[in-house]
Amino acid sequence: MFESLSQRLSDTVNRLRGRGRLTEENIRETLREVRIALLEADVALPVVKALVERVKVRAVGQEVLKSLSPGQALVKVVSDELTALMGAANTELNLAAQPPAIVLMAGLQGAGKTTTVAKLARFLKERKKKRVMVVSCDVYRPAAIEQLRTLAGQVDVSFFPSEAGQDPVEIAKAAVVAARREVIDVLLVDTAGRLHVDDAMMTEIKALHGALDPIETLFVVDSMTGQDAANVAKAFSEALPLTGVVLTKTDGDARGGAALSVRYVTGRPIKFLGAGEKTDALEPFHPDRVAQRILGMGDVLSLVEEVERKVDQEKAQKLAEKVIKGKRFDLNDMRDQLEQMSNMGGLAGLMDKLPGMSSIPDSVKSKVNDNELKRMVAIIGSMTKKERRHPDLLNGSRKARVARGSGTQPADVNRLLKQFMQMEKMMSKLSKGGSKGLLRQMRGAMKGMGGMGGMMPPR
């Protein structure tokens, strides 16, 4: 998300960082480039005008021109205004209600509403330690009910059954009774969608809202629809007292116009971003962190939180103890590291949160291939236990067997073994040099970022 916008804006602001002096002419030229970048990112025109005007007012005043580092000051102004545009701070779900706290999910068909219900259920269960029940009031699509039943089983939350032909309001009322009986903390209500906004859909969802009086009414919208996302969200906000927005499919949205437009157009906060099909692919929306990513500053806080949450701490501790004791790093250890990297969204997901990634050439980024991670895990999985512990055993015939078993070529096996040797060498130095040795290795790796493509060559 934001790849093209981030590239344009970070290039623009980087030219200003080192400037000892700025003039109104410099600032005007910069804001013209900012305006073009935002329009190309499919940000709604009223939003672009408002943002550029606010930056201009602050930039030509005392705050920037009289600053000791005017270039840096202008970058901060742009960052502050982007953050303010998207809502200043993360707005959490309000669940302060007599249980069950009811959350009504609204949106058009195809926006990812049912999947988002499952993602939100998992989020509340795992991160907020809530007892969650889900119910589908989409009586027009039996497949949607079955989909939610399946997803509820996957994330291990309660599912209240419903059938096509039932009255949506009666389903919802019965679900509330069941949730109270089962001492459920949060009830998530999935509603029927349409291909476009129509009176019948709005009448039905208004009736549901009136019967349930939910504490949260979230609008789920596909970010890839760009400016239309903001327009549809506005139509829903006029019909329903929305409390927030969930942007879905942000992993496929390279422009990011919806994220920058929805808050301004609707006046409702973006509460979550959905990125990917997996049920753990839902993150709270932090405007300040998103603004930093747009300006190429990365999102280290989110990266740290993700590492803390998704890395298997027990395995990490065992590997650390093994390295400190000077024991040999083997292919089982390497496979664990690759799998943990995949759990955190793969190499592409990690790069998205690292500072300065917008300045990395596209030719290098394109070679960071997450499919290569899966291929490497498959190659290691095709080895015997003994071979994984003692890679030196892998002669030509064994490599050919491993390649056949993993659906790869002997050259792929050789490449993996070369990468393993590099990791083993790094771990060996770490065991001798402690944390200082690791820092030296990391610095060396960062200097060689241009060689990342060689680490993960495409097929």
Protein backbone atom coordinates (compact mmCIF):
# COMPACT_ATOMS: atom_id res chain seq x y z
CA MET A 1 0.00 0.00 0.00
CA PHE A 2 1.10 3.59 -0.77
CA GLU A 3 4.07 2.39 -2.90
CA SER A 4 3.68 4.95 -5.68
CA LEU A 5 2.67 7.79 -3.36
CA SER A 6 5.48 7.00 -0.95
CA GLN A 7 8.05 7.01 -3.76
CA ARG A 8 6.88 10.39 -5.08
CA LEU A 9 6.52 12.12 -1.72
CA SER A 10 9.71 10.76 -0.19
CA ASP A 11 11.68 11.84 -3.28
CA THR A 12 10.15 15.31 -2.96
CA VAL A 13 10.80 15.79 0.76
CA ASN A 14 14.28 14.24 0.59
CA ARG A 15 15.34 17.04 -1.73
CA LEU A 16 14.39 19.49 1.02
CA ARG A 17 15.98 17.81 4.03
CA GLY A 18 19.45 19.19 3.50
CA ARG A 19 18.39 22.67 2.49
CA GLY A 20 19.80 25.36 4.77
CA ARG A 21 17.24 27.83 3.49
CA LEU A 22 13.80 27.61 1.94
CA THR A 23 11.90 30.27 0.03
CA GLU A 24 8.23 30.64 -0.75
CA GLU A 25 9.10 29.63 -4.31
CA ASN A 26 10.73 26.36 -3.08
CA ILE A 27 7.67 25.61 -1.00
CA ARG A 28 5.23 26.38 -3.84
CA GLU A 29 7.11 24.02 -6.16
CA THR A 30 7.18 21.30 -3.51
CA LEU A 31 3.46 21.61 -2.82
CA ARG A 32 2.73 21.40 -6.53
CA GLU A 33 4.54 18.05 -6.62
CA VAL A 34 2.71 16.93 -3.46
CA ARG A 35 -0.62 17.83 -5.08
CA ILE A 36 0.19 15.85 -8.25
CA ALA A 37 1.36 12.85 -6.21
CA LEU A 38 -1.87 12.82 -4.18
CA LEU A 39 -4.10 13.11 -7.25
CA GLU A 40 -2.22 10.27 -8.95
CA ALA A 41 -2.78 8.20 -5.79
CA ASP A 42 -6.55 8.61 -6.36
CA VAL A 43 -7.07 10.84 -3.32
CA ALA A 44 -10.38 12.75 -3.57
CA LEU A 45 -9.92 16.27 -4.93
CA PRO A 46 -11.48 18.10 -1.91
CA VAL A 47 -9.09 16.18 0.33
CA VAL A 48 -6.06 17.15 -1.78
CA LYS A 49 -7.07 20.82 -1.74
CA ALA A 50 -7.60 20.85 2.02
CA LEU A 51 -4.31 19.09 2.78
CA VAL A 52 -2.18 21.24 0.48
CA GLU A 53 -3.77 24.45 1.78
CA ARG A 54 -3.13 23.48 5.42
CA VAL A 55 0.49 22.61 4.69
CA LYS A 56 0.92 25.88 2.76
CA VAL A 57 -0.45 28.01 5.63
CA ARG A 58 1.96 26.42 8.10
CA ALA A 59 4.90 26.24 5.68
CA VAL A 60 5.05 29.91 4.69
CA GLY A 61 4.61 31.03 8.28
CA GLN A 62 7.14 31.26 11.10
CA GLU A 63 7.10 27.48 11.67
CA VAL A 64 9.18 26.59 8.59
CA LEU A 65 10.83 29.61 7.04
CA LYS A 66 12.24 30.82 10.38
CA SER A 67 13.31 27.35 11.46
CA LEU A 68 17.00 26.47 11.87
CA SER A 69 16.38 23.41 9.62
CA PRO A 70 13.59 24.52 7.27
CA GLY A 71 13.76 21.38 5.11
CA GLN A 72 13.25 19.13 8.12
CA ALA A 73 10.55 21.44 9.45
CA LEU A 74 8.59 21.21 6.20
CA VAL A 75 8.83 17.40 6.24
CA LYS A 76 7.41 17.46 9.78
CA VAL A 77 4.56 19.75 8.70
CA VAL A 78 3.64 17.40 5.82
CA SER A 79 3.80 14.41 8.20
CA ASP A 80 1.65 16.19 10.83
CA GLU A 81 -0.99 17.19 8.29
CA LEU A 82 -1.15 13.71 6.74
CA THR A 83 -1.64 12.33 10.24
CA ALA A 84 -4.35 14.87 11.07
CA LEU A 85 -6.10 14.13 7.77
CA MET A 86 -6.36 10.43 8.66
CA GLY A 87 -7.50 11.01 12.23
CA ALA A 88 -4.53 11.99 14.43
CA ALA A 89 -4.50 8.80 16.54
CA ASN A 90 -5.74 5.23 16.56
CA THR A 91 -9.40 4.99 17.57
CA GLU A 92 -10.04 1.71 19.36
CA LEU A 93 -13.33 -0.17 19.36
CA ASN A 94 -15.66 0.97 22.12
CA LEU A 95 -16.76 -2.20 23.89
CA ALA A 96 -17.86 -0.52 27.12
CA ALA A 97 -21.39 -1.91 27.16
CA GLN A 98 -23.44 -4.42 29.10
CA PRO A 99 -22.34 -7.75 27.55
CA PRO A 100 -22.66 -8.62 24.84
CA ALA A 101 -21.21 -5.52 23.19
CA ILE A 102 -22.81 -5.62 19.73
CA VAL A 103 -20.79 -4.72 16.63
CA LEU A 104 -22.78 -4.36 13.39
CA MET A 105 -20.83 -4.79 10.14
CA ALA A 106 -22.13 -3.03 7.00
CA GLY A 107 -20.83 -2.76 3.45
CA LEU A 108 -21.26 -3.63 -0.20
CA GLN A 109 -21.08 -7.17 -1.55
CA GLY A 110 -17.52 -8.19 -2.39
CA ALA A 111 -15.86 -5.77 0.05
CA GLY A 112 -14.69 -8.66 2.24
CA LYS A 113 -17.26 -8.18 5.01
CA THR A 114 -17.63 -11.84 6.06
CA THR A 115 -13.86 -12.41 6.08
CA THR A 116 -13.43 -9.21 8.10
CA VAL A 117 -15.95 -10.46 10.69
CA ALA A 118 -13.76 -13.56 11.19
CA LYS A 119 -10.57 -11.46 11.32
CA LEU A 120 -12.09 -9.11 13.89
CA ALA A 121 -13.33 -12.07 15.94
CA ARG A 122 -9.80 -13.48 16.03
CA PHE A 123 -8.35 -10.06 16.89
CA LEU A 124 -10.74 -9.61 19.82
CA LYS A 125 -10.24 -13.17 21.05
CA GLU A 126 -6.43 -13.24 20.87
CA ARG A 127 -5.42 -9.65 21.58
CA LYS A 128 -8.28 -8.39 23.74
CA LYS A 129 -9.04 -11.74 25.45
CA LYS A 130 -12.78 -11.48 24.69
CA ARG A 131 -15.35 -14.26 24.34
CA VAL A 132 -16.76 -13.71 20.84
CA MET A 133 -19.84 -14.90 18.96
CA VAL A 134 -20.53 -14.29 15.25
CA VAL A 135 -23.84 -14.43 13.39
CA SER A 136 -24.76 -13.99 9.73
CA CYS A 137 -27.93 -12.07 8.81
CA ASP A 138 -27.21 -12.45 5.09
CA VAL A 139 -30.25 -14.64 4.36
CA TYR A 140 -29.94 -14.08 0.60
CA ARG A 141 -26.67 -15.95 0.20
CA PRO A 142 -26.55 -19.35 1.96
CA ALA A 143 -22.89 -19.56 0.94
CA ALA A 144 -22.14 -16.50 3.09
CA ILE A 145 -23.66 -18.22 6.14
CA GLU A 146 -21.60 -21.36 5.51
CA GLN A 147 -18.49 -19.28 4.91
CA LEU A 148 -18.89 -17.58 8.30
CA ARG A 149 -19.56 -20.95 9.98
CA THR A 150 -16.31 -22.32 8.54
CA LEU A 151 -14.30 -19.23 9.46
CA ALA A 152 -15.72 -19.21 13.00
CA GLY A 153 -14.45 -22.77 13.39
CA GLN A 154 -11.00 -21.76 12.12
CA VAL A 155 -10.63 -18.89 14.61
CA ASP A 156 -12.35 -20.86 17.39
CA VAL A 157 -15.23 -18.52 18.28
CA SER A 158 -18.94 -19.23 18.81
CA PHE A 159 -21.21 -19.32 15.74
CA PHE A 160 -24.94 -18.64 15.97
CA PRO A 161 -26.71 -20.60 13.19
CA SER A 162 -29.05 -18.97 10.69
CA GLU A 163 -30.74 -20.07 7.45
CA ALA A 164 -31.81 -18.56 4.15
CA GLY A 165 -35.38 -17.33 4.30
CA GLN A 166 -35.31 -16.31 7.97
CA ASP A 167 -36.02 -12.74 9.00
CA PRO A 168 -32.67 -10.92 9.58
CA VAL A 169 -34.01 -8.96 12.58
CA GLU A 170 -35.32 -12.14 14.24
CA ILE A 171 -31.96 -13.86 13.66
CA ALA A 172 -30.12 -10.96 15.28
CA LYS A 173 -32.46 -10.82 18.30
CA ALA A 174 -32.11 -14.58 18.86
CA ALA A 175 -28.30 -14.25 18.62
CA VAL A 176 -28.34 -11.58 21.36
CA VAL A 177 -30.35 -13.88 23.64
CA ALA A 178 -27.92 -16.75 22.97
CA ALA A 179 -24.90 -14.49 23.55
CA ARG A 180 -26.26 -13.43 26.95
CA ARG A 181 -26.94 -17.04 27.87
CA GLU A 182 -23.39 -18.09 26.92
CA VAL A 183 -21.83 -15.06 28.69
CA ILE A 184 -20.34 -13.72 25.43
CA ASP A 185 -18.40 -10.44 25.59
CA VAL A 186 -18.79 -9.34 21.96
CA LEU A 187 -21.39 -10.25 19.31
CA LEU A 188 -20.33 -9.54 15.70
CA VAL A 189 -23.27 -9.26 13.28
CA ASP A 190 -22.60 -9.83 9.56
CA THR A 191 -25.20 -8.21 7.29
CA ALA A 192 -26.28 -8.66 3.69
CA GLY A 193 -24.48 -6.67 1.04
CA ARG A 194 -25.46 -5.50 -2.43
CA LEU A 195 -23.50 -4.75 -5.56
CA HIS A 196 -24.43 -1.09 -5.08
CA VAL A 197 -26.22 1.13 -2.59
CA ASP A 198 -30.02 0.60 -2.84
CA ASP A 199 -33.11 1.44 -0.80
CA ALA A 200 -33.95 -2.17 0.11
CA MET A 201 -30.50 -2.78 1.61
CA MET A 202 -30.53 0.48 3.53
CA THR A 203 -34.04 -0.18 4.88
CA GLU A 204 -33.03 -3.64 6.10
CA ILE A 205 -29.82 -2.54 7.77
CA LYS A 206 -31.59 0.41 9.42
CA ALA A 207 -34.12 -2.07 10.85
CA LEU A 208 -31.28 -4.24 12.15
CA HIS A 209 -29.59 -1.21 13.69
CA GLY A 210 -32.83 -0.13 15.34
CA ALA A 211 -33.46 -3.58 16.81
CA LEU A 212 -29.90 -4.14 18.05
CA ASP A 213 -28.76 -0.63 19.05
CA PRO A 214 -25.12 -1.67 18.50
CA ILE A 215 -22.33 0.10 20.35
CA GLU A 216 -20.20 -0.03 17.17
CA THR A 217 -21.39 0.15 13.55
CA LEU A 218 -18.45 -0.46 11.24
CA PHE A 219 -18.45 0.15 7.49
CA VAL A 220 -16.31 -2.34 5.56
CA VAL A 221 -14.98 -0.99 2.26
CA ASP A 222 -12.60 -2.24 -0.42
CA SER A 223 -9.65 0.18 -0.54
CA MET A 224 -8.94 -0.73 -4.18
CA THR A 225 -12.05 1.18 -5.27
CA GLY A 226 -10.14 4.40 -4.57
CA GLN A 227 -12.28 7.54 -4.54
CA ASP A 228 -15.43 5.43 -4.84
CA ALA A 229 -14.60 3.96 -1.43
CA ALA A 230 -14.96 7.41 0.12
CA ASN A 231 -18.18 8.13 -1.81
CA VAL A 232 -19.84 4.83 -0.79
CA ALA A 233 -18.69 5.32 2.80
CA LYS A 234 -20.31 8.77 2.74
CA ALA A 235 -23.62 7.28 1.52
CA PHE A 236 -23.59 4.73 4.34
CA SER A 237 -22.62 7.34 6.95
CA GLU A 238 -25.64 9.42 5.92
CA ALA A 239 -27.96 6.40 6.31
CA LEU A 240 -26.42 4.89 9.46
CA PRO A 241 -24.71 6.31 12.55
CA LEU A 242 -21.36 4.76 11.64
CA THR A 243 -18.71 4.67 14.35
CA GLY A 244 -15.79 3.63 12.14
CA VAL A 245 -14.44 2.21 8.90
CA VAL A 246 -12.49 -0.95 8.06
CA LEU A 247 -10.41 -0.73 4.88
CA THR A 248 -9.93 -4.14 3.24
CA LYS A 249 -7.61 -5.48 0.51
CA THR A 250 -4.98 -2.85 1.33
CA ASP A 251 -2.25 -5.31 0.26
CA GLY A 252 -3.49 -4.95 -3.33
CA ASP A 253 -3.89 -1.16 -3.18
CA ALA A 254 -0.64 0.43 -4.36
CA ARG A 255 -2.07 3.96 -4.38
CA GLY A 256 -3.71 4.38 -0.97
CA GLY A 257 -6.18 7.09 -1.99
CA ALA A 258 -9.02 5.54 0.04
CA ALA A 259 -7.05 5.65 3.30
CA LEU A 260 -6.36 9.36 2.81
CA SER A 261 -9.93 10.21 1.75
CA VAL A 262 -12.35 8.18 3.87
CA ARG A 263 -11.83 9.97 7.19
CA TYR A 264 -12.10 13.43 5.65
CA VAL A 265 -15.18 12.63 3.54
CA THR A 266 -17.16 10.72 6.20
CA GLY A 267 -15.88 12.25 9.42
CA ARG A 268 -15.60 8.67 10.74
CA PRO A 269 -12.28 7.16 11.88
CA ILE A 270 -10.57 4.30 10.08
CA LYS A 271 -10.23 1.69 12.83
CA PHE A 272 -8.66 -1.27 11.01
CA LEU A 273 -6.75 -2.21 7.87
CA GLY A 274 -7.21 -5.64 6.32
CA ALA A 275 -4.33 -6.96 4.22
CA GLY A 276 -4.51 -10.50 2.86
CA GLU A 277 -6.78 -13.52 3.12
CA LYS A 278 -5.45 -15.00 6.37
CA THR A 279 -7.55 -14.53 9.48
CA ASP A 280 -4.68 -12.78 11.28
CA ALA A 281 -4.37 -10.16 8.52
CA LEU A 282 -6.13 -7.33 10.37
CA GLU A 283 -4.27 -4.46 12.02
CA PRO A 284 -5.39 -1.40 14.01
CA PHE A 285 -5.07 1.78 11.93
CA HIS A 286 -2.49 4.22 13.32
CA PRO A 287 -2.58 7.50 11.29
CA ASP A 288 0.83 8.68 12.56
CA ARG A 289 2.53 5.40 11.57
CA VAL A 290 0.82 5.38 8.17
CA ALA A 291 1.96 8.97 7.54
CA GLN A 292 5.55 7.94 8.31
CA ARG A 293 5.30 5.03 5.88
CA ILE A 294 3.95 7.35 3.17
CA LEU A 295 6.98 9.63 3.65
CA GLY A 296 9.41 6.70 3.48
CA MET A 297 10.20 6.73 7.21
CA GLY A 298 9.01 3.16 7.77
CA ASP A 299 6.86 1.84 10.60
CA VAL A 300 9.26 0.38 13.13
CA LEU A 301 6.73 0.42 15.99
CA SER A 302 4.31 -1.83 14.09
CA LEU A 303 7.21 -4.07 13.08
CA VAL A 304 8.32 -4.47 16.71
CA GLU A 305 4.75 -5.22 17.82
CA GLU A 306 4.41 -7.80 15.04
CA VAL A 307 7.68 -9.50 16.01
CA GLU A 308 6.63 -9.65 19.67
CA ARG A 309 3.27 -11.12 18.73
CA LYS A 310 4.17 -13.57 15.97
CA VAL A 311 7.65 -14.81 16.74
CA ASP A 312 7.71 -18.09 18.65
CA GLN A 313 9.49 -16.86 21.77
CA GLU A 314 10.33 -20.37 22.94
CA LYS A 315 12.05 -21.27 19.66
CA ALA A 316 13.84 -17.92 19.60
CA GLN A 317 15.12 -18.49 23.13
CA LYS A 318 16.33 -22.00 22.28
CA LEU A 319 18.18 -20.75 19.20
CA ALA A 320 19.77 -17.92 21.21
CA GLU A 321 20.99 -20.37 23.86
CA LYS A 322 22.28 -22.72 21.18
CA VAL A 323 24.25 -19.94 19.48
CA ILE A 324 25.68 -18.60 22.75
CA LYS A 325 26.87 -22.09 23.70
CA GLY A 326 28.64 -22.37 20.34
CA LYS A 327 26.50 -25.26 19.09
CA ARG A 328 26.22 -25.68 15.35
CA PHE A 329 23.41 -23.88 13.51
CA ASP A 330 21.69 -26.44 11.25
CA LEU A 331 19.03 -26.57 8.55
CA ASN A 332 16.26 -27.21 11.09
CA ASP A 333 17.13 -23.84 12.64
CA MET A 334 17.16 -22.20 9.22
CA ARG A 335 13.71 -23.62 8.42
CA ASP A 336 12.36 -22.25 11.72
CA GLN A 337 13.67 -18.79 10.83
CA LEU A 338 12.14 -18.92 7.34
CA GLU A 339 8.75 -20.01 8.71
CA GLN A 340 8.76 -17.25 11.31
CA MET A 341 9.55 -14.74 8.58
CA SER A 342 6.56 -16.03 6.58
CA ASN A 343 4.34 -15.67 9.66
CA MET A 344 5.23 -11.98 9.81
CA GLY A 345 4.06 -11.35 6.25
CA GLY A 346 7.15 -12.49 4.39
CA LEU A 347 10.00 -10.35 3.10
CA ALA A 348 7.69 -7.94 1.27
CA GLY A 349 5.69 -7.32 4.47
CA LEU A 350 8.85 -6.68 6.48
CA MET A 351 10.33 -4.34 3.86
CA ASP A 352 7.14 -2.28 3.85
CA LYS A 353 7.77 -1.32 7.48
CA LEU A 354 11.50 -0.60 7.26
CA PRO A 355 12.70 3.02 6.93
CA GLY A 356 14.12 4.10 3.58
CA MET A 357 12.54 1.32 1.53
CA SER A 358 10.97 3.81 -0.90
CA SER A 359 14.48 4.71 -2.06
CA ILE A 360 15.35 1.09 -2.92
CA PRO A 361 15.17 0.61 -6.72
CA ASP A 362 12.13 -1.31 -8.02
CA SER A 363 14.52 -3.70 -9.78
CA VAL A 364 15.80 -4.80 -6.35
CA LYS A 365 12.36 -4.86 -4.69
CA SER A 366 10.96 -7.07 -7.43
CA LYS A 367 13.54 -9.73 -6.61
CA VAL A 368 12.38 -9.97 -3.01
CA ASN A 369 10.12 -12.91 -3.73
CA ASP A 370 8.08 -14.46 -0.91
CA ASN A 371 7.52 -17.56 -3.03
CA GLU A 372 11.23 -18.19 -2.63
CA LEU A 373 10.71 -18.57 1.14
CA LYS A 374 8.15 -21.31 0.53
CA ARG A 375 10.46 -22.99 -1.98
CA MET A 376 13.33 -22.97 0.51
CA VAL A 377 11.14 -24.48 3.24
CA ALA A 378 10.02 -27.17 0.77
CA ILE A 379 13.64 -28.02 -0.11
CA ILE A 380 14.61 -28.42 3.55
CA GLY A 381 11.45 -30.47 4.15
CA SER A 382 12.54 -32.92 1.42
CA MET A 383 15.74 -33.74 3.29
CA THR A 384 16.12 -36.51 5.85
CA LYS A 385 16.47 -35.62 9.54
CA LYS A 386 20.12 -36.62 9.36
CA GLU A 387 20.76 -34.39 6.31
CA ARG A 388 19.14 -31.40 8.05
CA ARG A 389 21.42 -31.88 11.05
CA HIS A 390 24.52 -32.59 8.89
CA PRO A 391 24.27 -30.66 5.57
CA ASP A 392 27.79 -31.87 4.63
CA LEU A 393 26.19 -35.23 3.73
CA LEU A 394 24.42 -33.66 0.75
CA ASN A 395 26.40 -34.92 -2.24
CA GLY A 396 25.31 -34.74 -5.87
CA SER A 397 22.90 -37.70 -5.81
CA ARG A 398 21.30 -36.59 -2.54
CA LYS A 399 20.82 -33.06 -3.91
CA ALA A 400 19.14 -34.51 -7.01
CA ARG A 401 16.78 -36.54 -4.78
CA VAL A 402 15.94 -33.49 -2.64
CA ALA A 403 15.29 -31.42 -5.78
CA ARG A 404 12.88 -34.05 -7.15
CA GLY A 405 11.09 -34.30 -3.80
CA SER A 406 10.59 -30.53 -3.53
CA GLY A 407 9.73 -29.92 -7.19
CA THR A 408 12.83 -27.80 -7.72
CA GLN A 409 16.17 -28.03 -9.53
CA PRO A 410 19.58 -29.07 -8.10
CA ALA A 411 20.68 -25.45 -8.68
CA ASP A 412 17.96 -24.33 -6.22
CA VAL A 413 19.28 -26.77 -3.63
CA ASN A 414 22.83 -25.47 -4.14
CA ARG A 415 21.60 -21.88 -3.76
CA LEU A 416 19.85 -22.73 -0.50
CA LEU A 417 22.95 -24.45 0.85
CA LYS A 418 25.02 -21.38 -0.04
CA GLN A 419 22.59 -19.17 1.89
CA PHE A 420 22.67 -21.63 4.78
CA MET A 421 26.47 -21.40 4.90
CA GLN A 422 26.23 -17.60 5.07
CA MET A 423 23.75 -17.82 7.96
CA GLU A 424 25.86 -20.44 9.72
CA LYS A 425 28.93 -18.21 9.37
CA MET A 426 27.02 -15.25 10.83
CA MET A 427 25.80 -17.35 13.77
CA SER A 428 29.33 -18.58 14.39
CA LYS A 429 30.64 -15.00 14.55
CA LEU A 430 27.78 -14.07 16.83
CA SER A 431 28.67 -16.83 19.28
CA LYS A 432 32.21 -15.45 19.43
CA GLY A 433 31.41 -11.73 19.38
CA GLY A 434 28.14 -11.58 21.31
CA SER A 435 25.74 -8.74 20.57
CA LYS A 436 28.51 -6.55 19.12
CA GLY A 437 29.21 -9.28 16.58
CA LEU A 438 25.55 -9.33 15.59
CA LEU A 439 25.44 -5.56 15.17
CA ARG A 440 28.50 -5.68 12.91
CA GLN A 441 26.83 -8.37 10.81
CA MET A 442 23.61 -6.36 10.56
CA ARG A 443 25.48 -3.24 9.51
CA GLY A 444 27.27 -5.21 6.81
CA ALA A 445 23.99 -6.67 5.60
CA MET A 446 22.37 -3.22 5.39
CA LYS A 447 25.30 -1.87 3.36
CA GLY A 448 24.73 -4.71 0.94
CA MET A 449 21.04 -4.06 0.42
CA GLY A 450 21.65 -3.81 -3.29
CA GLY A 451 22.55 -7.47 -3.22
CA MET A 452 19.23 -8.54 -1.77
CA GLY A 453 18.17 -9.78 -5.14
CA GLY A 454 21.05 -12.21 -5.07
CA MET A 455 19.80 -13.57 -1.79
CA MET A 456 16.37 -14.36 -3.16
CA PRO A 457 16.74 -14.75 -6.93
CA PRO A 458 13.52 -15.14 -8.91
CA ARG A 459 12.81 -18.27 -10.90
